[in-house]
N, C-alpha and C. Protein backbone atom coordinates (compact mmCIF):
# COMPACT_ATOMS: atom_id res chain seq x y z
N UNK A 1 -42.10 -2.94 10.58
CA UNK A 1 -41.33 -1.79 10.89
C UNK A 1 -40.09 -2.21 11.78
N UNK A 2 -39.07 -1.34 11.75
CA UNK A 2 -37.90 -1.52 12.69
C UNK A 2 -38.54 -1.37 14.10
N UNK A 3 -38.09 -2.24 15.02
CA UNK A 3 -38.63 -2.16 16.35
C UNK A 3 -38.63 -0.76 16.88
N UNK A 4 -39.78 -0.36 17.35
CA UNK A 4 -39.78 0.98 18.02
C UNK A 4 -40.01 2.11 17.10
N UNK A 5 -40.08 1.88 15.77
CA UNK A 5 -40.22 3.06 14.83
C UNK A 5 -41.74 3.54 14.97
N UNK A 6 -41.83 4.80 15.14
CA UNK A 6 -43.15 5.31 15.58
C UNK A 6 -44.29 5.47 14.58
N UNK A 7 -44.05 5.39 13.25
CA UNK A 7 -45.06 5.52 12.30
C UNK A 7 -44.69 4.84 10.98
N UNK A 8 -45.70 4.73 10.08
CA UNK A 8 -45.58 4.19 8.80
C UNK A 8 -45.45 5.21 7.74
N UNK A 9 -44.57 5.21 6.84
CA UNK A 9 -44.56 6.33 5.79
C UNK A 9 -45.69 5.96 4.80
N UNK A 10 -46.22 6.98 4.06
CA UNK A 10 -47.28 6.77 3.16
C UNK A 10 -47.02 5.61 2.15
N UNK A 11 -48.05 4.95 1.75
CA UNK A 11 -48.00 3.75 1.03
C UNK A 11 -47.16 3.96 -0.31
N UNK A 12 -47.29 5.11 -0.96
CA UNK A 12 -46.59 5.32 -2.22
C UNK A 12 -45.02 5.37 -2.02
N UNK A 13 -44.50 5.49 -0.75
CA UNK A 13 -43.12 5.58 -0.47
C UNK A 13 -42.58 4.31 0.19
N UNK A 14 -43.41 3.40 0.50
CA UNK A 14 -43.02 2.29 1.42
C UNK A 14 -42.05 1.34 0.77
N UNK A 15 -41.96 1.36 -0.54
CA UNK A 15 -41.04 0.51 -1.16
C UNK A 15 -39.66 1.09 -1.50
N UNK A 16 -39.52 2.33 -1.15
CA UNK A 16 -38.32 3.08 -1.33
C UNK A 16 -37.30 2.70 -0.21
N UNK A 17 -36.01 2.89 -0.33
CA UNK A 17 -35.13 2.82 0.79
C UNK A 17 -35.54 3.69 1.90
N UNK A 18 -35.65 3.17 3.08
CA UNK A 18 -36.12 3.92 4.24
C UNK A 18 -35.11 3.78 5.37
N UNK A 19 -34.73 4.89 6.04
CA UNK A 19 -33.96 4.77 7.27
C UNK A 19 -34.88 4.91 8.42
N UNK A 20 -35.09 3.75 9.15
CA UNK A 20 -36.05 3.77 10.29
C UNK A 20 -35.18 3.78 11.49
N UNK A 21 -34.63 4.90 11.85
CA UNK A 21 -33.76 5.16 12.93
C UNK A 21 -32.75 6.05 12.57
N UNK A 22 -31.57 6.05 13.26
CA UNK A 22 -30.44 6.92 12.98
C UNK A 22 -29.27 6.22 12.35
N UNK A 23 -28.52 6.89 11.68
CA UNK A 23 -27.25 6.32 11.12
C UNK A 23 -26.16 7.41 11.14
N UNK A 24 -25.00 7.07 10.96
CA UNK A 24 -23.83 8.00 10.88
C UNK A 24 -22.97 7.64 9.82
N UNK A 25 -22.46 8.59 9.11
CA UNK A 25 -21.50 8.48 8.02
C UNK A 25 -20.24 9.34 8.21
N UNK A 26 -19.12 8.86 7.69
CA UNK A 26 -17.88 9.70 7.62
C UNK A 26 -17.65 10.03 6.16
N UNK A 27 -17.49 11.39 5.87
CA UNK A 27 -17.23 11.83 4.50
C UNK A 27 -15.81 12.43 4.48
N UNK A 28 -14.97 11.78 3.64
CA UNK A 28 -13.56 12.16 3.49
C UNK A 28 -13.52 13.04 2.19
N UNK A 29 -12.95 14.22 2.43
CA UNK A 29 -12.85 15.18 1.28
C UNK A 29 -11.43 15.60 1.10
N UNK A 30 -10.98 15.47 -0.22
CA UNK A 30 -9.59 15.84 -0.64
C UNK A 30 -9.64 17.38 -0.91
N UNK A 31 -8.92 18.15 -0.22
CA UNK A 31 -9.01 19.54 -0.37
C UNK A 31 -7.82 20.00 -1.24
N UNK A 32 -8.14 20.84 -2.31
CA UNK A 32 -7.16 21.40 -3.23
C UNK A 32 -6.79 22.80 -2.85
N UNK A 33 -5.58 23.16 -3.20
CA UNK A 33 -5.15 24.60 -3.17
C UNK A 33 -5.39 25.18 -1.71
N UNK A 34 -5.11 24.42 -0.74
CA UNK A 34 -5.22 24.97 0.63
C UNK A 34 -4.04 24.44 1.45
N UNK A 35 -3.04 25.33 1.63
CA UNK A 35 -1.82 24.82 2.31
C UNK A 35 -2.09 24.38 3.78
N UNK A 36 -3.18 24.79 4.33
CA UNK A 36 -3.41 24.43 5.78
C UNK A 36 -4.31 23.21 5.98
N UNK A 37 -4.88 22.76 4.80
CA UNK A 37 -5.80 21.52 4.92
C UNK A 37 -5.66 20.70 3.68
N UNK A 38 -5.20 19.39 3.83
CA UNK A 38 -5.08 18.57 2.70
C UNK A 38 -6.34 17.66 2.54
N UNK A 39 -6.80 17.16 3.58
CA UNK A 39 -8.03 16.37 3.54
C UNK A 39 -8.68 16.44 4.86
N UNK A 40 -10.03 16.21 4.95
CA UNK A 40 -10.72 16.32 6.13
C UNK A 40 -11.89 15.22 6.14
N UNK A 41 -12.05 14.66 7.35
CA UNK A 41 -13.21 13.71 7.50
C UNK A 41 -14.33 14.44 8.29
N UNK A 42 -15.48 14.52 7.62
CA UNK A 42 -16.67 15.11 8.26
C UNK A 42 -17.63 13.91 8.87
N UNK A 43 -17.93 13.96 10.16
CA UNK A 43 -18.87 12.98 10.68
C UNK A 43 -20.23 13.53 10.62
N UNK A 44 -21.09 12.87 10.15
CA UNK A 44 -22.44 13.37 9.85
C UNK A 44 -23.44 12.28 10.45
N UNK A 45 -24.47 12.84 11.29
CA UNK A 45 -25.44 12.05 11.88
C UNK A 45 -26.72 12.30 11.14
N UNK A 46 -27.39 11.15 10.66
CA UNK A 46 -28.58 11.22 9.88
C UNK A 46 -29.81 10.84 10.66
N UNK A 47 -30.86 11.56 10.52
CA UNK A 47 -32.02 11.36 11.38
C UNK A 47 -33.13 10.68 10.55
N UNK A 48 -33.24 9.37 10.65
CA UNK A 48 -34.37 8.66 9.88
C UNK A 48 -35.67 8.70 10.74
N UNK A 49 -35.62 9.07 12.02
CA UNK A 49 -36.85 9.15 12.70
C UNK A 49 -37.73 10.29 12.30
N UNK A 50 -37.15 11.33 11.79
CA UNK A 50 -37.90 12.53 11.35
C UNK A 50 -37.88 12.69 9.80
N UNK A 51 -36.99 11.86 9.12
CA UNK A 51 -36.96 11.99 7.71
C UNK A 51 -36.56 10.69 7.08
N UNK A 52 -37.45 9.58 7.25
CA UNK A 52 -36.92 8.29 6.85
C UNK A 52 -36.84 8.12 5.38
N UNK A 53 -37.56 8.79 4.54
CA UNK A 53 -37.45 8.62 3.03
C UNK A 53 -36.24 9.34 2.63
N UNK A 54 -36.02 10.59 3.06
CA UNK A 54 -34.85 11.36 2.67
C UNK A 54 -33.59 10.75 3.08
N UNK A 55 -33.50 10.35 4.33
CA UNK A 55 -32.29 9.80 4.89
C UNK A 55 -32.04 8.43 4.20
N UNK A 56 -33.07 7.72 4.08
CA UNK A 56 -32.90 6.30 3.46
C UNK A 56 -32.33 6.42 1.99
N UNK A 57 -32.85 7.36 1.28
CA UNK A 57 -32.34 7.60 -0.05
C UNK A 57 -30.94 7.82 -0.09
N UNK A 58 -30.40 8.74 0.85
CA UNK A 58 -29.05 9.12 0.93
C UNK A 58 -28.18 7.88 1.30
N UNK A 59 -28.58 7.16 2.39
CA UNK A 59 -27.79 6.08 2.81
C UNK A 59 -27.68 5.00 1.67
N UNK A 60 -28.73 4.80 1.00
CA UNK A 60 -28.76 3.83 -0.18
C UNK A 60 -27.72 4.35 -1.23
N UNK A 61 -27.68 5.61 -1.57
CA UNK A 61 -26.75 6.08 -2.53
C UNK A 61 -25.31 6.04 -1.94
N UNK A 62 -25.09 6.26 -0.73
CA UNK A 62 -23.77 6.06 -0.10
C UNK A 62 -23.30 4.59 -0.28
N UNK A 63 -24.19 3.67 -0.05
CA UNK A 63 -23.77 2.37 -0.12
C UNK A 63 -23.58 1.93 -1.59
N UNK A 64 -24.15 2.61 -2.59
CA UNK A 64 -23.84 2.47 -4.01
C UNK A 64 -22.44 3.03 -4.44
N UNK A 65 -21.87 3.79 -3.47
CA UNK A 65 -20.67 4.60 -3.77
C UNK A 65 -21.01 5.76 -4.79
N UNK A 66 -22.18 6.18 -4.78
CA UNK A 66 -22.60 7.20 -5.72
C UNK A 66 -21.71 8.50 -5.57
N UNK A 67 -21.42 8.82 -4.36
CA UNK A 67 -20.79 10.18 -4.18
C UNK A 67 -19.30 10.12 -4.20
N UNK A 68 -18.70 8.87 -4.19
CA UNK A 68 -17.16 8.74 -4.13
C UNK A 68 -16.70 9.25 -5.48
N UNK A 69 -15.86 10.19 -5.34
CA UNK A 69 -15.20 10.80 -6.56
C UNK A 69 -15.89 12.07 -7.16
N UNK A 70 -17.13 12.37 -6.59
CA UNK A 70 -17.77 13.59 -7.01
C UNK A 70 -17.07 14.76 -6.42
N UNK A 71 -17.18 15.82 -7.16
CA UNK A 71 -16.49 17.13 -6.63
C UNK A 71 -17.53 18.01 -5.88
N UNK A 72 -17.06 18.89 -5.06
CA UNK A 72 -17.92 19.89 -4.47
C UNK A 72 -18.25 20.80 -5.64
N UNK A 73 -19.63 21.13 -5.84
CA UNK A 73 -20.07 21.75 -7.04
C UNK A 73 -20.60 23.21 -6.64
N UNK A 74 -20.73 23.57 -5.49
CA UNK A 74 -21.11 24.83 -5.08
C UNK A 74 -20.48 25.09 -3.71
N UNK A 75 -19.89 26.34 -3.56
CA UNK A 75 -19.34 26.71 -2.25
C UNK A 75 -19.21 28.26 -2.32
N UNK A 76 -20.34 28.80 -1.86
CA UNK A 76 -20.61 30.31 -2.02
C UNK A 76 -20.62 31.09 -0.74
N UNK A 77 -20.25 30.46 0.35
CA UNK A 77 -20.34 31.15 1.64
C UNK A 77 -21.64 30.94 2.21
N UNK A 78 -22.59 30.46 1.72
CA UNK A 78 -23.97 30.22 2.25
C UNK A 78 -24.18 28.72 2.38
N UNK A 79 -23.84 28.01 1.36
CA UNK A 79 -23.98 26.53 1.42
C UNK A 79 -22.76 25.85 0.68
N UNK A 80 -22.50 24.62 0.98
CA UNK A 80 -21.61 23.80 0.19
C UNK A 80 -22.55 22.65 -0.40
N UNK A 81 -22.38 22.37 -1.68
CA UNK A 81 -23.33 21.43 -2.39
C UNK A 81 -22.58 20.48 -3.20
N UNK A 82 -23.06 19.23 -3.36
CA UNK A 82 -22.64 18.25 -4.25
C UNK A 82 -23.69 17.32 -4.62
N UNK A 83 -23.44 16.30 -5.44
CA UNK A 83 -24.31 15.31 -5.78
C UNK A 83 -24.97 15.29 -7.21
N UNK A 84 -24.47 16.23 -7.98
CA UNK A 84 -24.88 16.32 -9.39
C UNK A 84 -23.97 15.46 -10.22
N UNK A 85 -24.37 14.32 -10.75
CA UNK A 85 -23.51 13.41 -11.47
C UNK A 85 -23.08 14.00 -12.75
N UNK A 86 -21.98 13.34 -13.47
CA UNK A 86 -21.68 13.84 -14.77
C UNK A 86 -22.72 13.42 -15.78
N UNK A 87 -22.87 14.13 -16.87
CA UNK A 87 -23.84 13.84 -17.78
C UNK A 87 -25.10 14.73 -17.68
N UNK A 88 -26.08 14.41 -18.54
CA UNK A 88 -27.28 15.33 -18.45
C UNK A 88 -28.20 15.20 -17.38
N UNK A 89 -28.12 14.06 -16.68
CA UNK A 89 -29.02 13.83 -15.48
C UNK A 89 -28.68 14.73 -14.33
N UNK A 90 -29.76 15.27 -13.63
CA UNK A 90 -29.42 16.13 -12.51
C UNK A 90 -29.42 15.31 -11.11
N UNK A 91 -29.62 14.01 -11.32
CA UNK A 91 -29.73 13.19 -10.06
C UNK A 91 -29.35 11.77 -10.39
N UNK A 92 -29.74 10.90 -9.51
CA UNK A 92 -29.36 9.41 -9.56
C UNK A 92 -30.37 8.70 -10.54
N UNK A 93 -29.77 8.12 -11.59
CA UNK A 93 -30.53 7.23 -12.47
C UNK A 93 -30.53 5.79 -11.95
N UNK A 94 -31.68 5.40 -11.57
CA UNK A 94 -31.83 4.01 -11.17
C UNK A 94 -31.64 3.01 -12.29
N UNK A 95 -30.54 2.21 -12.18
CA UNK A 95 -30.29 1.29 -13.27
C UNK A 95 -31.38 0.27 -13.54
N UNK A 96 -32.24 -0.02 -12.52
CA UNK A 96 -33.19 -1.06 -12.72
C UNK A 96 -34.44 -0.44 -13.53
N UNK A 97 -34.58 0.93 -13.60
CA UNK A 97 -35.66 1.48 -14.38
C UNK A 97 -35.18 2.39 -15.45
N UNK A 98 -33.93 2.82 -15.36
CA UNK A 98 -33.45 3.78 -16.39
C UNK A 98 -33.86 5.16 -16.17
N UNK A 99 -34.57 5.38 -15.04
CA UNK A 99 -35.12 6.71 -14.79
C UNK A 99 -34.54 7.34 -13.59
N UNK A 100 -34.73 8.65 -13.45
CA UNK A 100 -34.32 9.49 -12.33
C UNK A 100 -35.10 8.94 -11.00
N UNK A 101 -34.39 8.70 -9.97
CA UNK A 101 -35.12 8.37 -8.71
C UNK A 101 -35.14 9.60 -7.92
N UNK A 102 -36.45 10.06 -7.59
CA UNK A 102 -36.60 11.28 -6.86
C UNK A 102 -37.35 10.91 -5.48
N UNK A 103 -37.19 11.80 -4.53
CA UNK A 103 -37.76 11.62 -3.28
C UNK A 103 -38.68 12.85 -3.00
N UNK A 104 -39.74 12.68 -2.20
CA UNK A 104 -40.67 13.78 -1.94
C UNK A 104 -40.12 14.69 -0.86
N UNK A 105 -40.55 15.93 -0.97
CA UNK A 105 -40.22 16.78 0.12
C UNK A 105 -40.86 16.30 1.41
N UNK A 106 -40.04 16.21 2.47
CA UNK A 106 -40.43 15.50 3.70
C UNK A 106 -40.16 16.36 4.87
N UNK A 107 -41.12 16.89 5.54
CA UNK A 107 -40.98 17.82 6.70
C UNK A 107 -41.74 17.41 7.94
N UNK A 108 -41.01 17.14 8.98
CA UNK A 108 -41.64 16.74 10.31
C UNK A 108 -41.78 17.99 11.08
N UNK A 109 -42.99 18.18 11.61
CA UNK A 109 -43.33 19.39 12.43
C UNK A 109 -43.53 18.99 13.96
N UNK A 110 -43.14 19.86 14.78
CA UNK A 110 -43.34 19.67 16.23
C UNK A 110 -44.85 19.37 16.51
N UNK A 111 -45.13 18.40 17.31
CA UNK A 111 -46.58 18.08 17.63
C UNK A 111 -47.26 17.20 16.68
N UNK A 112 -46.66 16.86 15.47
CA UNK A 112 -47.18 15.92 14.63
C UNK A 112 -46.59 14.55 14.77
N UNK A 113 -47.35 13.51 14.41
CA UNK A 113 -46.92 12.12 14.48
C UNK A 113 -46.20 11.60 13.30
N UNK A 114 -46.44 12.24 12.16
CA UNK A 114 -45.82 11.83 10.88
C UNK A 114 -45.43 13.04 10.12
N UNK A 115 -44.49 12.97 9.24
CA UNK A 115 -44.06 14.13 8.38
C UNK A 115 -45.15 14.54 7.39
N UNK A 116 -45.07 15.73 6.95
CA UNK A 116 -45.81 16.12 5.81
C UNK A 116 -44.98 15.79 4.54
N UNK A 117 -45.71 15.43 3.50
CA UNK A 117 -45.02 15.05 2.20
C UNK A 117 -45.50 15.86 1.03
N UNK A 118 -44.56 16.37 0.29
CA UNK A 118 -44.99 16.85 -1.09
C UNK A 118 -45.43 18.41 -1.04
N UNK A 119 -45.30 19.03 0.12
CA UNK A 119 -45.80 20.41 0.16
C UNK A 119 -44.97 21.13 1.14
N UNK A 120 -44.66 22.40 0.92
CA UNK A 120 -43.90 23.23 1.89
C UNK A 120 -44.86 23.64 3.01
N UNK A 121 -44.39 24.04 4.10
CA UNK A 121 -45.21 24.45 5.25
C UNK A 121 -45.96 25.68 4.88
N UNK A 122 -45.40 26.57 4.09
CA UNK A 122 -46.03 27.77 3.55
C UNK A 122 -47.32 27.32 2.72
N UNK A 123 -47.17 26.37 1.77
CA UNK A 123 -48.26 25.86 1.00
C UNK A 123 -49.40 25.27 1.82
N UNK A 124 -48.98 24.66 3.02
CA UNK A 124 -49.93 24.05 3.91
C UNK A 124 -50.61 25.07 4.82
N UNK A 125 -50.10 26.26 4.80
CA UNK A 125 -50.70 27.32 5.63
C UNK A 125 -50.15 27.23 7.04
N UNK A 126 -49.01 26.48 7.33
CA UNK A 126 -48.55 26.33 8.66
C UNK A 126 -47.38 27.32 8.86
N UNK A 127 -47.69 28.62 8.88
CA UNK A 127 -46.73 29.63 8.95
C UNK A 127 -45.88 29.70 10.24
N UNK A 128 -46.52 29.24 11.28
CA UNK A 128 -45.92 29.32 12.64
C UNK A 128 -45.49 28.01 13.12
N UNK A 129 -45.60 26.96 12.26
CA UNK A 129 -45.14 25.61 12.67
C UNK A 129 -43.63 25.55 12.89
N UNK A 130 -43.25 24.78 13.85
CA UNK A 130 -41.87 24.52 14.24
C UNK A 130 -41.38 23.21 13.61
N UNK A 131 -40.39 23.23 12.80
CA UNK A 131 -39.83 21.97 12.17
C UNK A 131 -39.02 21.24 13.26
N UNK A 132 -39.09 19.88 13.19
CA UNK A 132 -38.32 19.03 14.13
C UNK A 132 -36.81 19.12 13.78
N UNK A 133 -36.54 19.25 12.50
CA UNK A 133 -35.15 19.32 11.99
C UNK A 133 -34.94 20.72 11.32
N UNK A 134 -34.58 21.74 12.12
CA UNK A 134 -34.51 23.07 11.57
C UNK A 134 -33.10 23.33 11.00
N UNK A 135 -33.01 24.40 10.20
CA UNK A 135 -31.75 24.91 9.71
C UNK A 135 -31.19 25.86 10.80
N UNK A 136 -30.69 25.24 11.87
CA UNK A 136 -30.28 26.14 13.03
C UNK A 136 -28.82 25.88 13.42
N UNK A 137 -28.01 25.16 12.55
CA UNK A 137 -26.60 24.89 12.99
C UNK A 137 -25.84 24.92 11.75
N UNK A 138 -24.54 25.35 11.94
CA UNK A 138 -23.48 25.32 10.88
C UNK A 138 -23.27 23.81 10.57
N UNK A 139 -23.53 23.39 9.35
CA UNK A 139 -23.38 21.96 8.94
C UNK A 139 -24.77 21.27 8.87
N UNK A 140 -25.85 21.98 9.00
CA UNK A 140 -27.11 21.35 8.68
C UNK A 140 -27.15 20.81 7.22
N UNK A 141 -27.63 19.64 7.12
CA UNK A 141 -27.58 18.93 5.81
C UNK A 141 -29.05 18.69 5.35
N UNK A 142 -29.16 19.05 4.04
CA UNK A 142 -30.53 18.90 3.47
C UNK A 142 -30.36 18.52 1.99
N UNK A 143 -31.58 18.16 1.41
CA UNK A 143 -31.67 17.78 0.00
C UNK A 143 -31.83 19.09 -0.85
N UNK A 144 -31.09 19.24 -1.84
CA UNK A 144 -31.34 20.22 -2.87
C UNK A 144 -32.44 19.74 -3.79
N UNK A 145 -33.25 20.69 -4.31
CA UNK A 145 -34.30 20.32 -5.36
C UNK A 145 -34.53 21.50 -6.19
N UNK A 146 -35.34 21.29 -7.26
CA UNK A 146 -35.77 22.31 -8.12
C UNK A 146 -36.71 23.25 -7.36
N UNK A 147 -36.47 24.48 -7.43
CA UNK A 147 -37.25 25.48 -6.61
C UNK A 147 -38.74 25.36 -6.79
N UNK A 148 -39.20 24.95 -8.00
CA UNK A 148 -40.60 24.91 -8.20
C UNK A 148 -41.17 23.63 -8.25
N UNK A 149 -40.40 22.58 -7.90
CA UNK A 149 -40.86 21.18 -7.87
C UNK A 149 -40.50 20.55 -6.57
N UNK A 150 -41.52 20.47 -5.66
CA UNK A 150 -41.30 19.97 -4.31
C UNK A 150 -40.67 18.65 -4.27
N UNK A 151 -41.08 17.72 -5.20
CA UNK A 151 -40.68 16.38 -5.07
C UNK A 151 -39.57 15.98 -6.05
N UNK A 152 -38.78 16.96 -6.32
CA UNK A 152 -37.71 16.72 -7.42
C UNK A 152 -36.34 16.39 -6.91
N UNK A 153 -36.24 16.33 -5.47
CA UNK A 153 -34.82 15.94 -4.89
C UNK A 153 -34.53 14.58 -5.32
N UNK A 154 -33.23 14.31 -5.57
CA UNK A 154 -32.73 13.08 -6.01
C UNK A 154 -31.46 12.65 -5.22
N UNK A 155 -30.33 13.29 -5.63
CA UNK A 155 -29.04 12.98 -5.07
C UNK A 155 -28.24 14.20 -4.60
N UNK A 156 -28.71 15.39 -5.03
CA UNK A 156 -27.97 16.62 -4.63
C UNK A 156 -28.22 16.99 -3.23
N UNK A 157 -27.18 17.22 -2.44
CA UNK A 157 -27.26 17.53 -1.05
C UNK A 157 -26.52 18.85 -0.77
N UNK A 158 -26.90 19.48 0.29
CA UNK A 158 -26.12 20.75 0.63
C UNK A 158 -26.04 20.79 2.14
N UNK A 159 -24.99 21.57 2.58
CA UNK A 159 -24.78 21.81 4.01
C UNK A 159 -24.80 23.38 4.21
N UNK A 160 -25.46 23.83 5.20
CA UNK A 160 -25.59 25.16 5.55
C UNK A 160 -24.31 25.78 6.15
N UNK A 161 -23.91 26.88 5.75
CA UNK A 161 -22.66 27.57 6.33
C UNK A 161 -23.04 28.81 7.09
N UNK A 162 -24.10 28.81 7.83
CA UNK A 162 -24.48 30.01 8.57
C UNK A 162 -24.79 29.56 10.13
N UNK A 163 -24.36 30.45 10.98
CA UNK A 163 -24.62 30.21 12.38
C UNK A 163 -26.15 30.50 12.68
N UNK A 164 -26.59 29.89 13.81
CA UNK A 164 -27.96 29.88 14.10
C UNK A 164 -28.50 31.35 14.34
N UNK A 165 -27.63 32.24 14.75
CA UNK A 165 -28.08 33.71 15.01
C UNK A 165 -28.54 34.26 13.62
N UNK A 166 -27.90 33.79 12.53
CA UNK A 166 -28.24 34.37 11.19
C UNK A 166 -29.47 33.60 10.56
N UNK A 167 -29.70 32.40 11.01
CA UNK A 167 -30.71 31.56 10.51
C UNK A 167 -31.53 30.96 11.63
N UNK A 168 -32.25 31.80 12.36
CA UNK A 168 -33.06 31.39 13.51
C UNK A 168 -34.05 30.34 13.14
N UNK A 169 -34.23 29.35 13.96
CA UNK A 169 -35.18 28.21 13.71
C UNK A 169 -36.48 28.74 13.27
N UNK A 170 -37.05 28.28 12.15
CA UNK A 170 -38.31 28.58 11.62
C UNK A 170 -38.57 30.00 11.45
N UNK A 171 -37.51 30.87 11.21
CA UNK A 171 -37.66 32.22 10.92
C UNK A 171 -36.64 32.61 9.78
N UNK A 172 -36.41 31.63 8.86
CA UNK A 172 -35.53 31.89 7.74
C UNK A 172 -36.20 31.35 6.46
N UNK A 173 -35.45 31.45 5.35
CA UNK A 173 -36.05 31.20 4.05
C UNK A 173 -36.04 29.66 3.72
N UNK A 174 -35.42 28.86 4.61
CA UNK A 174 -35.19 27.45 4.23
C UNK A 174 -36.00 26.52 5.06
N UNK A 175 -36.34 26.83 6.34
CA UNK A 175 -37.15 25.94 7.09
C UNK A 175 -38.48 25.73 6.51
N UNK A 176 -38.95 24.46 6.45
CA UNK A 176 -40.25 24.18 5.86
C UNK A 176 -40.28 24.17 4.30
N UNK A 177 -39.17 24.47 3.67
CA UNK A 177 -39.12 24.44 2.18
C UNK A 177 -38.09 23.39 1.69
N UNK A 178 -37.13 23.03 2.49
CA UNK A 178 -36.21 21.99 2.09
C UNK A 178 -36.06 20.93 3.19
N UNK A 179 -35.91 19.74 2.79
CA UNK A 179 -35.88 18.52 3.79
C UNK A 179 -34.53 18.44 4.40
N UNK A 180 -34.44 18.78 5.57
CA UNK A 180 -33.27 18.50 6.50
C UNK A 180 -33.28 17.07 6.91
N UNK A 181 -32.14 16.39 6.91
CA UNK A 181 -32.08 14.96 7.36
C UNK A 181 -30.85 14.65 8.15
N UNK A 182 -29.96 15.64 8.43
CA UNK A 182 -28.76 15.34 9.18
C UNK A 182 -28.05 16.55 9.57
N UNK A 183 -27.00 16.34 10.45
CA UNK A 183 -26.15 17.44 10.82
C UNK A 183 -24.72 16.96 10.92
N UNK A 184 -23.81 17.77 10.48
CA UNK A 184 -22.37 17.43 10.64
C UNK A 184 -22.02 17.75 12.14
N UNK A 185 -21.47 16.75 12.75
CA UNK A 185 -21.17 16.88 14.18
C UNK A 185 -19.73 16.89 14.51
N UNK A 186 -18.86 16.63 13.55
CA UNK A 186 -17.36 16.67 13.87
C UNK A 186 -16.77 17.37 12.56
N UNK A 187 -15.94 18.35 12.86
CA UNK A 187 -15.16 19.09 11.86
C UNK A 187 -16.02 19.92 10.92
N UNK A 188 -17.20 20.31 11.48
CA UNK A 188 -18.19 21.18 10.67
C UNK A 188 -17.64 22.44 10.28
N UNK A 189 -16.65 23.06 11.11
CA UNK A 189 -16.09 24.36 10.90
C UNK A 189 -15.28 24.33 9.57
N UNK A 190 -14.72 23.09 9.23
CA UNK A 190 -13.87 23.00 7.95
C UNK A 190 -14.77 23.05 6.79
N UNK A 191 -16.01 22.95 6.84
CA UNK A 191 -16.94 23.06 5.65
C UNK A 191 -16.70 24.35 4.99
N UNK A 192 -16.38 25.46 5.70
CA UNK A 192 -16.17 26.79 5.15
C UNK A 192 -14.97 26.80 4.28
N UNK A 193 -14.04 25.82 4.50
CA UNK A 193 -12.74 25.90 3.76
C UNK A 193 -12.93 25.19 2.40
N UNK A 194 -14.09 24.41 2.20
CA UNK A 194 -14.14 23.67 0.97
C UNK A 194 -14.45 24.60 -0.27
N UNK A 195 -14.00 24.21 -1.43
CA UNK A 195 -14.15 25.00 -2.55
C UNK A 195 -14.60 24.12 -3.71
N UNK A 196 -15.21 24.74 -4.70
CA UNK A 196 -15.61 24.05 -5.95
C UNK A 196 -14.45 23.34 -6.54
N UNK A 197 -14.52 22.04 -6.80
CA UNK A 197 -13.42 21.22 -7.38
C UNK A 197 -12.76 20.35 -6.33
N UNK A 198 -13.02 20.59 -5.03
CA UNK A 198 -12.49 19.72 -4.02
C UNK A 198 -13.32 18.36 -4.24
N UNK A 199 -12.65 17.26 -3.93
CA UNK A 199 -13.11 15.91 -4.27
C UNK A 199 -13.54 15.11 -3.04
N UNK A 200 -14.80 14.55 -3.08
CA UNK A 200 -15.17 13.65 -2.04
C UNK A 200 -14.49 12.31 -2.34
N UNK A 201 -13.57 11.91 -1.55
CA UNK A 201 -12.90 10.70 -1.79
C UNK A 201 -13.81 9.48 -1.44
N UNK A 202 -14.55 9.55 -0.36
CA UNK A 202 -15.46 8.60 0.00
C UNK A 202 -16.46 9.04 1.04
N UNK A 203 -17.61 8.34 1.09
CA UNK A 203 -18.50 8.45 2.23
C UNK A 203 -18.88 7.04 2.60
N UNK A 204 -18.71 6.77 3.95
CA UNK A 204 -18.86 5.42 4.49
C UNK A 204 -19.88 5.51 5.63
N UNK A 205 -20.75 4.57 5.62
CA UNK A 205 -21.66 4.39 6.80
C UNK A 205 -20.88 3.76 7.90
N UNK A 206 -20.85 4.39 9.04
CA UNK A 206 -20.10 3.85 10.17
C UNK A 206 -20.97 3.32 11.29
N UNK A 207 -22.29 3.65 11.25
CA UNK A 207 -23.23 3.02 12.24
C UNK A 207 -24.62 3.21 11.61
N UNK A 208 -25.52 2.34 12.07
CA UNK A 208 -26.95 2.36 11.74
C UNK A 208 -27.36 1.88 10.42
N UNK A 209 -26.49 1.09 9.69
CA UNK A 209 -26.89 0.62 8.40
C UNK A 209 -28.01 -0.35 8.57
N UNK A 210 -28.03 -1.06 9.72
CA UNK A 210 -29.14 -2.07 9.99
C UNK A 210 -30.51 -1.44 10.07
N UNK A 211 -30.47 -0.10 10.14
CA UNK A 211 -31.79 0.66 10.14
C UNK A 211 -32.39 0.92 8.73
N UNK A 212 -31.51 0.57 7.70
CA UNK A 212 -31.96 0.82 6.37
C UNK A 212 -32.77 -0.34 5.92
N UNK A 213 -34.00 -0.10 5.48
CA UNK A 213 -34.81 -1.15 4.88
C UNK A 213 -35.03 -0.88 3.38
N UNK A 214 -35.40 -1.88 2.58
CA UNK A 214 -35.62 -1.78 1.11
C UNK A 214 -34.38 -1.19 0.46
N UNK A 215 -33.14 -1.64 0.78
CA UNK A 215 -31.98 -1.10 0.20
C UNK A 215 -31.86 -1.55 -1.24
N UNK A 216 -31.79 -0.59 -2.16
CA UNK A 216 -31.82 -0.98 -3.63
C UNK A 216 -30.39 -1.39 -4.01
N UNK A 217 -29.35 -1.04 -3.35
CA UNK A 217 -28.05 -1.32 -3.72
C UNK A 217 -27.80 -2.88 -3.54
N UNK A 218 -28.48 -3.52 -2.68
CA UNK A 218 -28.41 -5.00 -2.49
C UNK A 218 -29.13 -5.69 -3.73
N UNK A 219 -30.20 -5.15 -4.12
CA UNK A 219 -31.00 -5.67 -5.28
C UNK A 219 -30.12 -5.57 -6.51
N UNK A 220 -29.45 -4.36 -6.59
CA UNK A 220 -28.54 -4.16 -7.79
C UNK A 220 -27.34 -5.07 -7.78
N UNK A 221 -26.93 -5.58 -6.60
CA UNK A 221 -25.78 -6.37 -6.47
C UNK A 221 -24.56 -5.64 -6.57
């Protein structure tokens, strides 16, 4: 393990890209049809301490330049979403296997030493549990997935566009159902200005890359 990392992930996920610690990325977006904003850089802090599989998958895709050139694909006033590649696939196709790479639903709960995997808190009967990474801030970042398939997340991500008063921690429809793994900490207010068709010019890891283990992008060359 990375020095000081508090737990081991389940064996079935140990060979996946894992972020054992924190990392930060800068996402540069080219904004169309907005006279007041041409481009914007969003600084995002990723929490691998509480979501190592989810955050590791994202950092690995960033290093593959997977998101560079993708458009914003949803912007409805509730969330901004991207990550659906061109073609029939809904997520990242691992070139080493030719198959979609998916990650499990991963939820860390207050008082627990390891995250829960593969089940929502509602399915686990943990109706009053407090998530360590709640949807409580404008710019909360999480994995999108099929509503009826807990372990179907792959590359599609979304950012919440609601203030905490409207989405109180652990008292909304998202906490415990979707895996949060980061927060936009700079320029988050500009997320509301993004529209479908705006282009992600680049996402770059600016710190914490040494916390990524099992990076598939290095294997791929």
